[in-house]
Amino acid sequence: MTKKTRRILRIVCMLALTVFLFWSVNLLFMPKYIEENKDGRITAEFYREKLNNDILFVGSSTVYSGINPIVLWEKYGLTSYDRSNSSQTPWISYYMIKDALACSDPKTVVLDVGFFYAEDTYVEEPENRKSLDDMRISKEKFQCIQTAMSPDENYMDYIFPIFRFHTRWKYLTAEDWKYLYYKPDVTHNGYVYTGTVEGAQGDAAREGLDEVRLPNRSALFLENILSLCRDNGLDLLLIKTPSYRAKWGQDYEDDIRFVADPYGVEYVDFDRFTDEIGLDYAEDTSDGGGHVNDAGATKFTAYLGDYLLHKFTLTDHRNDPAYEEVWKEKCERYHHGK
């Protein structure tokens, strides 16, 4: 080996070591979302899917707490993923669908409009990061960051989270070291299990949203989603996931339908079918009525699955050995974890 070759090799090794150390420190300082705030793992776990999911559920926290893909598989043989996060804005939902189309082949999108009343200037950085930090490197991620961040945030903080979380060294725990390089699955195809029972009591807990209207930016991105699904041949259904709180008036629903009707897309407020679903808000909620618990999610998901089967052409994969093997493992992990 010549002296020049040895010098080049040393430089390459030093560069590789530098990159590895930078990557490792970046992973160390980032929040892990394993033992709490598990919805922060939904984005990352989407890319681990071995087989395609025909149905993509998109929206805010009522989706990942209220729609259980395990139930859809066991009852109907449908494959699905909850690509949702807390306070997920319409613009992030748009890029979640766009990103899914770039790396998978969904057939149907079910979009919850429960957070579409967010103001045009709404930004919640901690919640944005749950969606964006583990999003794969792609033009969709770069575009989503630019769209979702506030004017006073730094774009590079999203590209290299270590710049944002560098002060976390003061608060590192055993969890940060334990899950430095590998993080186990903590969601069930994006569904976050909650067995807690905290029932809704009386009408005082209901949020006063009677006066809300669909903001301009939300209307724009709703139309973007409608166009995206139409142009890619995807079936689309707009829904409101059942919740004891978060009730809005007719004007808001009229605004949603005004945008959706020209595309021939239906909007369904499943709050109107509480009795048919069998929901009991004294037993089926986890936080006083804002979100359903696992019992409520099981009831609603079964009802939703039946609704989707009657509306769209969907495939029952239970007789496909490849799907059966993968989903058997998913079901066992879900039932064991309960």
Protein backbone atom coordinates (compact mmCIF):
# COMPACT_ATOMS: atom_id res chain seq x y z
CA MET A 1 0.00 0.00 0.00
CA THR A 2 1.47 3.34 -1.00
CA LYS A 3 1.80 6.32 1.31
CA LYS A 4 -0.79 8.23 -0.71
CA THR A 5 -3.25 5.34 -0.49
CA ARG A 6 -2.79 5.11 3.30
CA ARG A 7 -3.41 8.83 3.62
CA ILE A 8 -6.61 8.61 1.57
CA LEU A 9 -7.76 5.63 3.62
CA ARG A 10 -7.17 7.53 6.87
CA ILE A 11 -9.18 10.48 5.57
CA VAL A 12 -12.07 8.22 4.50
CA CYS A 13 -12.03 6.48 7.90
CA MET A 14 -12.02 9.81 9.74
CA LEU A 15 -14.92 11.08 7.65
CA ALA A 16 -16.88 7.87 8.22
CA LEU A 17 -16.21 8.07 11.98
CA THR A 18 -17.28 11.72 12.07
CA VAL A 19 -20.52 10.94 10.27
CA PHE A 20 -21.21 7.98 12.55
CA LEU A 21 -20.59 10.03 15.70
CA PHE A 22 -22.76 12.90 14.45
CA TRP A 23 -25.55 10.45 13.58
CA SER A 24 -25.24 8.73 16.97
CA VAL A 25 -25.35 11.98 18.95
CA ASN A 26 -28.33 13.07 16.86
CA LEU A 27 -30.15 9.84 17.76
CA LEU A 28 -29.19 10.14 21.41
CA PHE A 29 -30.55 13.65 21.88
CA MET A 30 -33.83 13.10 20.02
CA PRO A 31 -36.90 12.18 22.11
CA LYS A 32 -37.58 8.42 21.95
CA TYR A 33 -41.40 8.30 22.31
CA ILE A 34 -41.25 4.72 23.60
CA GLU A 35 -42.59 4.85 27.14
CA GLU A 36 -44.79 7.92 26.67
CA ASN A 37 -46.06 10.12 23.81
CA LYS A 38 -46.10 6.99 21.66
CA ASP A 39 -47.73 8.77 18.75
CA GLY A 40 -44.26 10.16 18.09
CA ARG A 41 -43.35 6.69 16.75
CA ILE A 42 -46.20 6.45 14.22
CA THR A 43 -44.29 8.04 11.35
CA ALA A 44 -41.15 5.93 11.82
CA GLU A 45 -43.04 2.65 12.15
CA PHE A 46 -44.91 3.27 8.90
CA TYR A 47 -41.71 2.63 6.98
CA ARG A 48 -41.23 -0.73 8.68
CA GLU A 49 -44.32 -2.23 7.08
CA LYS A 50 -43.43 -5.44 5.21
CA LEU A 51 -46.58 -5.53 3.08
CA ASN A 52 -48.77 -2.89 1.54
CA ASN A 53 -51.69 -1.41 3.47
CA ASP A 54 -54.76 -0.78 1.32
CA ILE A 55 -56.34 1.80 3.65
CA LEU A 56 -54.62 4.91 4.99
CA PHE A 57 -56.23 6.71 7.93
CA VAL A 58 -55.03 10.28 8.34
CA GLY A 59 -55.82 12.92 10.92
CA SER A 60 -55.31 13.95 14.50
CA SER A 61 -55.22 12.13 17.85
CA THR A 62 -58.80 10.87 17.60
CA VAL A 63 -57.60 8.69 14.70
CA TYR A 64 -54.67 6.95 16.40
CA SER A 65 -56.77 6.44 19.53
CA GLY A 66 -60.05 5.57 17.82
CA ILE A 67 -59.32 3.45 14.73
CA ASN A 68 -57.70 0.06 15.34
CA PRO A 69 -56.21 -1.67 12.26
CA ILE A 70 -56.03 -4.95 14.21
CA VAL A 71 -59.83 -4.99 14.45
CA LEU A 72 -60.15 -4.30 10.73
CA TRP A 73 -57.88 -7.23 9.97
CA GLU A 74 -59.46 -9.73 12.36
CA LYS A 75 -63.03 -8.84 11.44
CA TYR A 76 -62.73 -8.09 7.72
CA GLY A 77 -59.22 -9.00 6.53
CA LEU A 78 -58.54 -5.36 5.65
CA THR A 79 -55.00 -3.95 5.81
CA SER A 80 -54.60 -0.40 7.09
CA TYR A 81 -52.37 2.09 8.88
CA ASP A 82 -53.18 5.09 11.08
CA ARG A 83 -50.88 7.79 9.77
CA SER A 84 -51.93 10.37 12.34
CA ASN A 85 -50.40 12.46 15.11
CA SER A 86 -51.55 14.79 17.86
CA SER A 87 -52.94 18.07 16.49
CA GLN A 88 -52.09 17.05 12.94
CA THR A 89 -52.89 19.99 10.72
CA PRO A 90 -54.45 19.64 7.24
CA TRP A 91 -51.16 20.60 5.59
CA ILE A 92 -49.28 17.84 7.40
CA SER A 93 -52.07 15.38 6.56
CA TYR A 94 -51.64 16.32 2.90
CA TYR A 95 -47.93 15.50 2.94
CA MET A 96 -48.49 12.29 4.91
CA ILE A 97 -50.71 11.08 2.07
CA LYS A 98 -48.31 12.34 -0.58
CA ASP A 99 -45.38 10.62 1.13
CA ALA A 100 -47.34 7.37 1.46
CA LEU A 101 -48.05 7.44 -2.28
CA ALA A 102 -44.34 7.84 -2.99
CA CYS A 103 -43.33 4.74 -1.03
CA SER A 104 -46.43 2.50 -0.92
CA ASP A 105 -49.66 1.79 -2.79
CA PRO A 106 -52.76 2.66 -0.74
CA LYS A 107 -56.13 2.23 -2.40
CA THR A 108 -58.34 4.18 0.00
CA VAL A 109 -57.80 7.23 2.20
CA VAL A 110 -60.00 8.02 5.19
CA LEU A 111 -59.37 11.58 6.35
CA ASP A 112 -60.57 12.84 9.72
CA VAL A 113 -61.40 16.57 9.63
CA GLY A 114 -61.42 16.93 13.41
CA PHE A 115 -58.53 19.39 13.43
CA PHE A 116 -59.34 21.24 10.24
CA TYR A 117 -60.62 24.19 12.26
CA ALA A 118 -57.01 25.07 13.18
CA GLU A 119 -56.29 28.70 12.37
CA ASP A 120 -54.20 29.58 9.33
CA THR A 121 -51.27 30.61 11.53
CA TYR A 122 -51.46 27.56 13.82
CA VAL A 123 -48.08 26.02 14.64
CA GLU A 124 -47.33 23.55 17.44
CA GLU A 125 -43.67 22.63 17.12
CA PRO A 126 -43.61 19.63 19.54
CA GLU A 127 -46.52 18.03 17.68
CA ASN A 128 -45.06 18.91 14.27
CA ARG A 129 -41.89 17.10 15.23
CA LYS A 130 -43.77 13.92 16.08
CA SER A 131 -44.81 13.84 12.43
CA LEU A 132 -41.66 15.19 10.80
CA ASP A 133 -38.53 14.12 12.66
CA ASP A 134 -38.81 10.49 11.59
CA MET A 135 -40.21 11.16 8.15
CA ARG A 136 -37.97 9.66 5.49
CA ILE A 137 -35.60 11.98 3.67
CA SER A 138 -37.55 13.02 0.59
CA LYS A 139 -38.89 16.03 -1.24
CA GLU A 140 -42.20 15.45 0.60
CA LYS A 141 -40.44 15.91 3.94
CA PHE A 142 -38.64 19.05 2.81
CA GLN A 143 -41.86 20.54 1.46
CA CYS A 144 -43.79 19.59 4.59
CA ILE A 145 -41.23 21.23 6.86
CA GLN A 146 -41.38 24.47 4.90
CA THR A 147 -45.18 24.42 5.03
CA ALA A 148 -45.59 23.48 8.70
CA MET A 149 -42.87 25.47 10.47
CA SER A 150 -43.40 28.96 11.86
CA PRO A 151 -41.49 31.96 10.45
CA ASP A 152 -39.27 32.17 13.54
CA GLU A 153 -38.20 28.51 13.40
CA ASN A 154 -34.99 27.33 11.77
CA TYR A 155 -35.39 25.03 8.77
CA MET A 156 -32.12 23.23 9.49
CA ASP A 157 -33.34 22.36 12.99
CA TYR A 158 -35.81 20.00 11.31
CA ILE A 159 -33.26 18.56 8.91
CA PHE A 160 -30.77 17.97 11.76
CA PRO A 161 -32.79 17.68 14.99
CA ILE A 162 -29.61 17.76 17.08
CA PHE A 163 -29.51 21.52 16.50
CA ARG A 164 -32.90 21.76 18.23
CA PHE A 165 -32.36 19.16 20.94
CA HIS A 166 -28.70 19.78 21.77
CA THR A 167 -29.61 20.94 25.30
CA ARG A 168 -31.29 17.61 26.09
CA TRP A 169 -27.96 16.27 27.31
CA LYS A 170 -28.97 17.68 30.70
CA TYR A 171 -32.09 15.49 30.78
CA LEU A 172 -30.96 12.22 29.22
CA THR A 173 -32.36 9.12 30.86
CA ALA A 174 -31.73 5.39 30.69
CA GLU A 175 -34.43 5.23 27.99
CA ASP A 176 -32.31 7.43 25.70
CA TRP A 177 -29.38 5.04 25.90
CA LYS A 178 -31.46 1.87 25.80
CA TYR A 179 -33.18 2.86 22.55
CA LEU A 180 -30.26 4.67 20.96
CA TYR A 181 -29.95 2.51 17.83
CA TYR A 182 -33.08 0.36 17.88
CA LYS A 183 -36.61 1.24 18.90
CA PRO A 184 -39.23 -1.50 19.21
CA ASP A 185 -42.69 -1.08 17.72
CA VAL A 186 -44.95 0.60 20.26
CA THR A 187 -47.99 1.26 18.07
CA HIS A 188 -50.20 -1.20 16.23
CA ASN A 189 -50.04 0.04 12.64
CA GLY A 190 -50.26 3.54 14.06
CA TYR A 191 -52.96 2.73 16.63
CA VAL A 192 -52.00 3.71 20.18
CA TYR A 193 -53.63 1.39 22.70
CA THR A 194 -55.32 3.03 25.71
CA GLY A 195 -57.11 0.83 28.22
CA THR A 196 -57.82 3.65 30.68
CA VAL A 197 -61.46 4.31 31.52
CA GLU A 198 -62.40 7.89 32.37
CA GLY A 199 -65.97 8.45 31.38
CA ALA A 200 -67.60 11.67 30.21
CA GLN A 201 -69.91 13.29 32.72
CA GLY A 202 -72.71 15.69 31.79
CA ASP A 203 -72.74 18.38 29.11
CA ALA A 204 -70.28 20.71 30.82
CA ALA A 205 -67.29 18.87 29.34
CA ARG A 206 -68.24 19.66 25.74
CA GLU A 207 -66.08 22.17 23.92
CA GLY A 208 -67.80 25.21 22.51
CA LEU A 209 -67.05 25.00 18.79
CA ASP A 210 -70.46 26.05 17.52
CA GLU A 211 -69.08 29.18 15.87
CA VAL A 212 -66.05 27.69 14.10
CA ARG A 213 -65.76 27.84 10.32
CA LEU A 214 -63.32 26.18 7.94
CA PRO A 215 -60.28 28.50 7.73
CA ASN A 216 -58.91 29.46 4.32
CA ARG A 217 -55.67 27.49 4.66
CA SER A 218 -57.51 24.36 5.78
CA ALA A 219 -59.91 24.71 2.86
CA LEU A 220 -56.94 25.03 0.48
CA PHE A 221 -55.25 21.89 1.77
CA LEU A 222 -58.51 19.98 1.87
CA GLU A 223 -58.86 20.76 -1.83
CA ASN A 224 -55.22 19.72 -2.35
CA ILE A 225 -55.98 16.37 -0.71
CA LEU A 226 -59.12 15.93 -2.80
CA SER A 227 -57.15 16.62 -5.98
CA LEU A 228 -54.25 14.39 -4.92
CA CYS A 229 -56.55 11.42 -4.28
CA ARG A 230 -58.53 11.98 -7.47
CA ASP A 231 -55.40 12.28 -9.61
CA ASN A 232 -53.96 9.07 -8.14
CA GLY A 233 -57.16 7.05 -8.38
CA LEU A 234 -57.66 6.77 -4.62
CA ASP A 235 -61.04 6.42 -2.97
CA LEU A 236 -61.48 9.10 -0.30
CA LEU A 237 -63.87 9.44 2.62
CA LEU A 238 -64.00 12.43 4.97
CA ILE A 239 -65.07 11.65 8.51
CA LYS A 240 -65.40 12.94 12.03
CA THR A 241 -64.26 10.27 14.46
CA PRO A 242 -66.66 9.98 17.43
CA SER A 243 -65.83 12.13 20.43
CA TYR A 244 -67.95 13.30 23.34
CA ARG A 245 -66.23 16.66 23.23
CA ALA A 246 -65.23 18.65 20.13
CA LYS A 247 -68.69 19.24 18.70
CA TRP A 248 -69.13 21.86 16.02
CA GLY A 249 -72.08 23.47 14.36
CA GLN A 250 -73.72 23.03 10.98
CA ASP A 251 -71.78 25.89 9.40
CA TYR A 252 -68.48 24.04 9.76
CA GLU A 253 -69.91 20.88 8.23
CA ASP A 254 -71.42 22.93 5.40
CA ASP A 255 -67.97 24.40 4.73
CA ILE A 256 -66.47 20.91 4.52
CA ARG A 257 -69.14 19.70 2.14
CA PHE A 258 -68.85 22.86 0.01
CA VAL A 259 -65.23 21.95 -0.77
CA ALA A 260 -65.80 18.17 -1.05
CA ASP A 261 -69.04 17.99 -3.04
CA PRO A 262 -67.57 19.05 -6.42
CA TYR A 263 -65.22 16.06 -6.13
CA GLY A 264 -68.05 13.67 -5.31
CA VAL A 265 -66.46 12.89 -1.93
CA GLU A 266 -68.69 12.12 1.04
CA TYR A 267 -68.31 13.54 4.54
CA VAL A 268 -69.71 11.53 7.45
CA ASP A 269 -69.99 12.76 11.04
CA PHE A 270 -69.95 9.49 12.98
CA ASP A 271 -71.06 11.31 16.12
CA ARG A 272 -74.52 10.99 14.62
CA PHE A 273 -74.31 7.19 14.84
CA THR A 274 -73.23 6.80 18.48
CA ASP A 275 -76.17 4.55 19.36
CA GLU A 276 -75.73 2.36 16.28
CA ILE A 277 -72.02 2.04 17.02
CA GLY A 278 -72.84 1.11 20.60
CA LEU A 279 -70.60 3.72 22.20
CA ASP A 280 -71.14 4.45 25.88
CA TYR A 281 -69.22 7.59 26.76
CA ALA A 282 -69.35 6.69 30.44
CA GLU A 283 -67.21 3.61 29.75
CA ASP A 284 -65.64 3.96 26.31
CA THR A 285 -63.48 7.08 26.75
CA SER A 286 -60.03 7.47 28.28
CA ASP A 287 -59.89 11.14 29.21
CA GLY A 288 -63.35 12.37 30.11
CA GLY A 289 -64.70 12.24 26.57
CA GLY A 290 -62.03 13.67 24.29
CA HIS A 291 -60.82 10.32 22.97
CA VAL A 292 -62.25 6.81 23.00
CA ASN A 293 -60.31 4.07 24.76
CA ASP A 294 -59.61 0.60 23.39
CA ALA A 295 -63.15 -0.59 24.04
CA GLY A 296 -64.56 2.42 22.19
CA ALA A 297 -62.05 2.05 19.36
CA THR A 298 -63.03 -1.60 18.92
CA LYS A 299 -66.70 -0.68 18.57
CA PHE A 300 -66.13 2.23 16.22
CA THR A 301 -63.58 0.42 14.05
CA ALA A 302 -65.92 -2.52 13.53
CA TYR A 303 -68.69 -0.13 12.48
CA LEU A 304 -66.36 1.85 10.23
CA GLY A 305 -65.05 -1.30 8.57
CA ASP A 306 -68.56 -2.38 7.68
CA TYR A 307 -69.27 1.11 6.32
CA LEU A 308 -66.14 1.07 4.16
CA LEU A 309 -66.94 -2.37 2.76
CA HIS A 310 -70.35 -1.17 1.65
CA LYS A 311 -68.95 2.01 0.09
CA PHE A 312 -65.71 0.88 -1.57
CA THR A 313 -64.26 -2.21 -3.22
CA LEU A 314 -61.76 -3.53 -0.68
CA THR A 315 -59.79 -6.77 -0.57
CA ASP A 316 -60.03 -9.39 2.17
CA HIS A 317 -56.44 -10.63 2.51
CA ARG A 318 -57.07 -13.37 5.09
CA ASN A 319 -56.67 -16.12 2.51
CA ASP A 320 -53.31 -14.79 1.37
CA PRO A 321 -50.55 -16.74 3.21
CA ALA A 322 -48.10 -13.82 3.06
CA TYR A 323 -50.56 -11.43 4.71
CA GLU A 324 -51.77 -14.05 7.17
CA GLU A 325 -48.26 -14.64 8.48
CA VAL A 326 -47.47 -10.95 8.95
CA TRP A 327 -50.81 -10.03 10.50
CA LYS A 328 -50.83 -13.03 12.81
CA GLU A 329 -47.70 -11.61 14.40
CA LYS A 330 -49.27 -8.15 14.62
CA CYS A 331 -52.40 -9.54 16.28
CA GLU A 332 -50.42 -11.57 18.79
CA ARG A 333 -48.37 -8.54 19.81
CA TYR A 334 -51.54 -6.45 20.23
CA HIS A 335 -53.41 -9.00 22.34
CA HIS A 336 -50.32 -9.86 24.38
CA GLY A 337 -49.71 -6.17 25.07
CA LYS A 338 -53.23 -5.65 26.40
